[in-house]
Amino acid sequence: MKATSGLCLFAWMVFVLMAMAACDEHVQDRADIRKATSDLLAAYESGDGTAAAKLVTQESLDHYGTLVKVALDGKPEQVRALPPLDKFEVLNLRARCNRKQLIGVGGIAYQKLSTEQGWWSGFEAYDLTSDLTGLQ
């Protein structure tokens, strides 16, 4: 009889743990974010600009396109007013590329160029794989 009650208790504990996991509506979201983050880091580390451009959001690509425009034609006060990482990107673009290389470059081309040349910035400053507290 004790073996049966032990088995029932074990089965109940397994059921409770499975039910708790099923109640976490963000499990898949966190797994997807971790996978995308891991894939993006791998693309950066291998210099695969095409893969990196496919993994970042359209909003990021649009933002990079705006930074390229500032790198091309931004006035000093406009560059100084940028947030630190954006300012760094603009100055990086100006230091690493000439005007001819940047004319007509949008966000996708920027992402490919910076990844393939290994000078992308910002992402390594964040550990997105371990801090997903916003999805609780």
C-alpha atoms as a PDB file:
ATOM      1  CA  MET A   1       0.000   0.000   0.000  1.00  0.00           C
ATOM      2  CA  LYS A   2       2.869   2.387   0.817  1.00  0.00           C
ATOM      3  CA  ALA A   3       4.432   1.850  -2.617  1.00  0.00           C
ATOM      4  CA  THR A   4       1.124   2.802  -4.234  1.00  0.00           C
ATOM      5  CA  SER A   5       0.773   5.964  -2.169  1.00  0.00           C
ATOM      6  CA  GLY A   6       4.409   6.875  -2.946  1.00  0.00           C
ATOM      7  CA  LEU A   7       3.712   6.375  -6.635  1.00  0.00           C
ATOM      8  CA  CYS A   8       0.570   8.502  -6.380  1.00  0.00           C
ATOM      9  CA  LEU A   9       2.506  11.234  -4.596  1.00  0.00           C
ATOM     10  CA  PHE A  10       5.198  11.135  -7.285  1.00  0.00           C
ATOM     11  CA  ALA A  11       2.581  11.267 -10.059  1.00  0.00           C
ATOM     12  CA  TRP A  12       0.867  14.188  -8.315  1.00  0.00           C
ATOM     13  CA  MET A  13       4.177  16.088  -8.034  1.00  0.00           C
ATOM     14  CA  VAL A  14       4.905  15.521 -11.729  1.00  0.00           C
ATOM     15  CA  PHE A  15       1.401  16.740 -12.585  1.00  0.00           C
ATOM     16  CA  VAL A  16       1.826  19.866 -10.438  1.00  0.00           C
ATOM     17  CA  LEU A  17       5.198  20.674 -12.025  1.00  0.00           C
ATOM     18  CA  MET A  18       3.771  20.219 -15.526  1.00  0.00           C
ATOM     19  CA  ALA A  19       0.780  22.387 -14.644  1.00  0.00           C
ATOM     20  CA  MET A  20       3.069  25.096 -13.278  1.00  0.00           C
ATOM     21  CA  ALA A  21       5.107  25.072 -16.477  1.00  0.00           C
ATOM     22  CA  ALA A  22       1.941  25.256 -18.562  1.00  0.00           C
ATOM     23  CA  CYS A  23       0.800  28.307 -16.581  1.00  0.00           C
ATOM     24  CA  ASP A  24       3.923  30.257 -17.534  1.00  0.00           C
ATOM     25  CA  GLU A  25       2.649  31.941 -20.664  1.00  0.00           C
ATOM     26  CA  HIS A  26       6.066  33.421 -21.460  1.00  0.00           C
ATOM     27  CA  VAL A  27       8.143  30.229 -21.540  1.00  0.00           C
ATOM     28  CA  GLN A  28       8.132  30.145 -25.330  1.00  0.00           C
ATOM     29  CA  ASP A  29       8.772  33.890 -25.587  1.00  0.00           C
ATOM     30  CA  ARG A  30      11.872  33.581 -23.426  1.00  0.00           C
ATOM     31  CA  ALA A  31      13.073  30.562 -25.381  1.00  0.00           C
ATOM     32  CA  ASP A  32      12.570  32.416 -28.682  1.00  0.00           C
ATOM     33  CA  ILE A  33      14.439  35.477 -27.405  1.00  0.00           C
ATOM     34  CA  ARG A  34      17.315  33.355 -26.136  1.00  0.00           C
ATOM     35  CA  LYS A  35      17.533  31.569 -29.513  1.00  0.00           C
ATOM     36  CA  ALA A  36      17.409  34.809 -31.515  1.00  0.00           C
ATOM     37  CA  THR A  37      20.023  36.377 -29.236  1.00  0.00           C
ATOM     38  CA  SER A  38      22.271  33.346 -29.528  1.00  0.00           C
ATOM     39  CA  ASP A  39      21.865  33.271 -33.317  1.00  0.00           C
ATOM     40  CA  LEU A  40      22.627  36.994 -33.581  1.00  0.00           C
ATOM     41  CA  LEU A  41      25.750  36.684 -31.453  1.00  0.00           C
ATOM     42  CA  ALA A  42      26.882  33.757 -33.598  1.00  0.00           C
ATOM     43  CA  ALA A  43      26.323  35.843 -36.753  1.00  0.00           C
ATOM     44  CA  TYR A  44      28.319  38.715 -35.253  1.00  0.00           C
ATOM     45  CA  GLU A  45      31.146  36.446 -34.131  1.00  0.00           C
ATOM     46  CA  SER A  46      31.384  34.724 -37.514  1.00  0.00           C
ATOM     47  CA  GLY A  47      31.075  37.988 -39.465  1.00  0.00           C
ATOM     48  CA  ASP A  48      27.912  36.825 -41.258  1.00  0.00           C
ATOM     49  CA  GLY A  49      26.296  40.156 -42.105  1.00  0.00           C
ATOM     50  CA  THR A  50      23.474  38.620 -44.118  1.00  0.00           C
ATOM     51  CA  ALA A  51      22.399  36.432 -41.192  1.00  0.00           C
ATOM     52  CA  ALA A  52      22.691  39.346 -38.761  1.00  0.00           C
ATOM     53  CA  ALA A  53      20.549  41.583 -40.998  1.00  0.00           C
ATOM     54  CA  LYS A  54      17.842  38.906 -41.056  1.00  0.00           C
ATOM     55  CA  LEU A  55      17.830  38.597 -37.265  1.00  0.00           C
ATOM     56  CA  VAL A  56      17.519  42.228 -36.185  1.00  0.00           C
ATOM     57  CA  THR A  57      14.174  43.990 -36.194  1.00  0.00           C
ATOM     58  CA  GLN A  58      13.000  46.279 -38.954  1.00  0.00           C
ATOM     59  CA  GLU A  59      12.972  49.095 -36.407  1.00  0.00           C
ATOM     60  CA  SER A  60      16.676  48.493 -35.773  1.00  0.00           C
ATOM     61  CA  LEU A  61      17.434  48.499 -39.487  1.00  0.00           C
ATOM     62  CA  ASP A  62      15.477  51.743 -39.910  1.00  0.00           C
ATOM     63  CA  HIS A  63      17.393  53.257 -37.007  1.00  0.00           C
ATOM     64  CA  TYR A  64      20.737  52.228 -38.524  1.00  0.00           C
ATOM     65  CA  GLY A  65      19.669  53.849 -41.789  1.00  0.00           C
ATOM     66  CA  THR A  66      19.002  57.083 -39.884  1.00  0.00           C
ATOM     67  CA  LEU A  67      22.447  56.878 -38.265  1.00  0.00           C
ATOM     68  CA  VAL A  68      24.072  56.511 -41.677  1.00  0.00           C
ATOM     69  CA  LYS A  69      22.303  59.706 -42.802  1.00  0.00           C
ATOM     70  CA  VAL A  70      23.609  61.518 -39.722  1.00  0.00           C
ATOM     71  CA  ALA A  71      27.106  60.150 -40.402  1.00  0.00           C
ATOM     72  CA  LEU A  72      26.886  61.565 -43.919  1.00  0.00           C
ATOM     73  CA  ASP A  73      25.319  64.953 -43.296  1.00  0.00           C
ATOM     74  CA  GLY A  74      24.842  65.516 -39.577  1.00  0.00           C
ATOM     75  CA  LYS A  75      26.055  68.769 -38.074  1.00  0.00           C
ATOM     76  CA  PRO A  76      28.347  68.559 -35.004  1.00  0.00           C
ATOM     77  CA  GLU A  77      25.566  69.686 -32.658  1.00  0.00           C
ATOM     78  CA  GLN A  78      23.269  66.997 -34.097  1.00  0.00           C
ATOM     79  CA  VAL A  79      25.890  64.311 -33.435  1.00  0.00           C
ATOM     80  CA  ARG A  80      26.582  65.624 -29.911  1.00  0.00           C
ATOM     81  CA  ALA A  81      22.863  65.416 -29.106  1.00  0.00           C
ATOM     82  CA  LEU A  82      22.683  61.678 -29.887  1.00  0.00           C
ATOM     83  CA  PRO A  83      22.538  59.034 -27.145  1.00  0.00           C
ATOM     84  CA  PRO A  84      26.016  57.588 -26.423  1.00  0.00           C
ATOM     85  CA  LEU A  85      25.719  54.360 -28.459  1.00  0.00           C
ATOM     86  CA  ASP A  86      24.234  56.199 -31.439  1.00  0.00           C
ATOM     87  CA  LYS A  87      26.987  58.802 -31.248  1.00  0.00           C
ATOM     88  CA  PHE A  88      29.539  55.986 -31.154  1.00  0.00           C
ATOM     89  CA  GLU A  89      27.992  54.411 -34.261  1.00  0.00           C
ATOM     90  CA  VAL A  90      28.045  57.704 -36.174  1.00  0.00           C
ATOM     91  CA  LEU A  91      31.650  58.385 -35.225  1.00  0.00           C
ATOM     92  CA  ASN A  92      32.552  54.803 -36.103  1.00  0.00           C
ATOM     93  CA  LEU A  93      30.946  55.201 -39.519  1.00  0.00           C
ATOM     94  CA  ARG A  94      32.798  58.451 -40.112  1.00  0.00           C
ATOM     95  CA  ALA A  95      36.116  56.930 -39.040  1.00  0.00           C
ATOM     96  CA  ARG A  96      35.819  53.680 -40.974  1.00  0.00           C
ATOM     97  CA  CYS A  97      34.056  54.678 -44.171  1.00  0.00           C
ATOM     98  CA  ASN A  98      34.384  57.450 -46.669  1.00  0.00           C
ATOM     99  CA  ARG A  99      31.446  59.393 -48.039  1.00  0.00           C
ATOM    100  CA  LYS A 100      31.419  57.415 -51.282  1.00  0.00           C
ATOM    101  CA  GLN A 101      31.053  54.141 -49.352  1.00  0.00           C
ATOM    102  CA  LEU A 102      28.077  55.455 -47.367  1.00  0.00           C
ATOM    103  CA  ILE A 103      25.980  57.149 -50.047  1.00  0.00           C
ATOM    104  CA  GLY A 104      22.848  55.097 -50.557  1.00  0.00           C
ATOM    105  CA  VAL A 105      23.599  52.779 -47.628  1.00  0.00           C
ATOM    106  CA  GLY A 106      20.508  51.879 -45.621  1.00  0.00           C
ATOM    107  CA  GLY A 107      20.036  49.845 -42.491  1.00  0.00           C
ATOM    108  CA  ILE A 108      20.507  46.418 -44.076  1.00  0.00           C
ATOM    109  CA  ALA A 109      23.726  47.429 -45.823  1.00  0.00           C
ATOM    110  CA  TYR A 110      24.963  49.049 -42.607  1.00  0.00           C
ATOM    111  CA  GLN A 111      24.240  45.861 -40.625  1.00  0.00           C
ATOM    112  CA  LYS A 112      26.048  43.733 -43.208  1.00  0.00           C
ATOM    113  CA  LEU A 113      29.018  46.098 -43.441  1.00  0.00           C
ATOM    114  CA  SER A 114      29.545  46.514 -39.701  1.00  0.00           C
ATOM    115  CA  THR A 115      29.115  42.782 -39.033  1.00  0.00           C
ATOM    116  CA  GLU A 116      31.350  41.605 -41.860  1.00  0.00           C
ATOM    117  CA  GLN A 117      34.066  44.070 -40.854  1.00  0.00           C
ATOM    118  CA  GLY A 118      33.656  43.175 -37.175  1.00  0.00           C
ATOM    119  CA  TRP A 119      32.988  46.648 -35.779  1.00  0.00           C
ATOM    120  CA  TRP A 120      29.350  46.419 -34.740  1.00  0.00           C
ATOM    121  CA  SER A 121      28.775  47.804 -31.285  1.00  0.00           C
ATOM    122  CA  GLY A 122      26.289  47.947 -28.472  1.00  0.00           C
ATOM    123  CA  PHE A 123      24.999  44.400 -28.444  1.00  0.00           C
ATOM    124  CA  GLU A 124      27.901  42.942 -26.509  1.00  0.00           C
ATOM    125  CA  ALA A 125      27.170  45.352 -23.673  1.00  0.00           C
ATOM    126  CA  TYR A 126      23.929  43.564 -22.882  1.00  0.00           C
ATOM    127  CA  ASP A 127      23.382  40.047 -21.641  1.00  0.00           C
ATOM    128  CA  LEU A 128      19.925  39.509 -23.043  1.00  0.00           C
ATOM    129  CA  THR A 129      20.057  35.762 -22.565  1.00  0.00           C
ATOM    130  CA  SER A 130      20.117  35.945 -18.787  1.00  0.00           C
ATOM    131  CA  ASP A 131      17.912  38.954 -17.991  1.00  0.00           C
ATOM    132  CA  LEU A 132      14.448  38.454 -19.385  1.00  0.00           C
ATOM    133  CA  THR A 133      12.653  39.758 -16.326  1.00  0.00           C
ATOM    134  CA  GLY A 134      10.344  41.940 -18.423  1.00  0.00           C
ATOM    135  CA  LEU A 135       8.540  38.813 -19.569  1.00  0.00           C
ATOM    136  CA  GLN A 136       7.219  37.738 -16.194  1.00  0.00           C
END
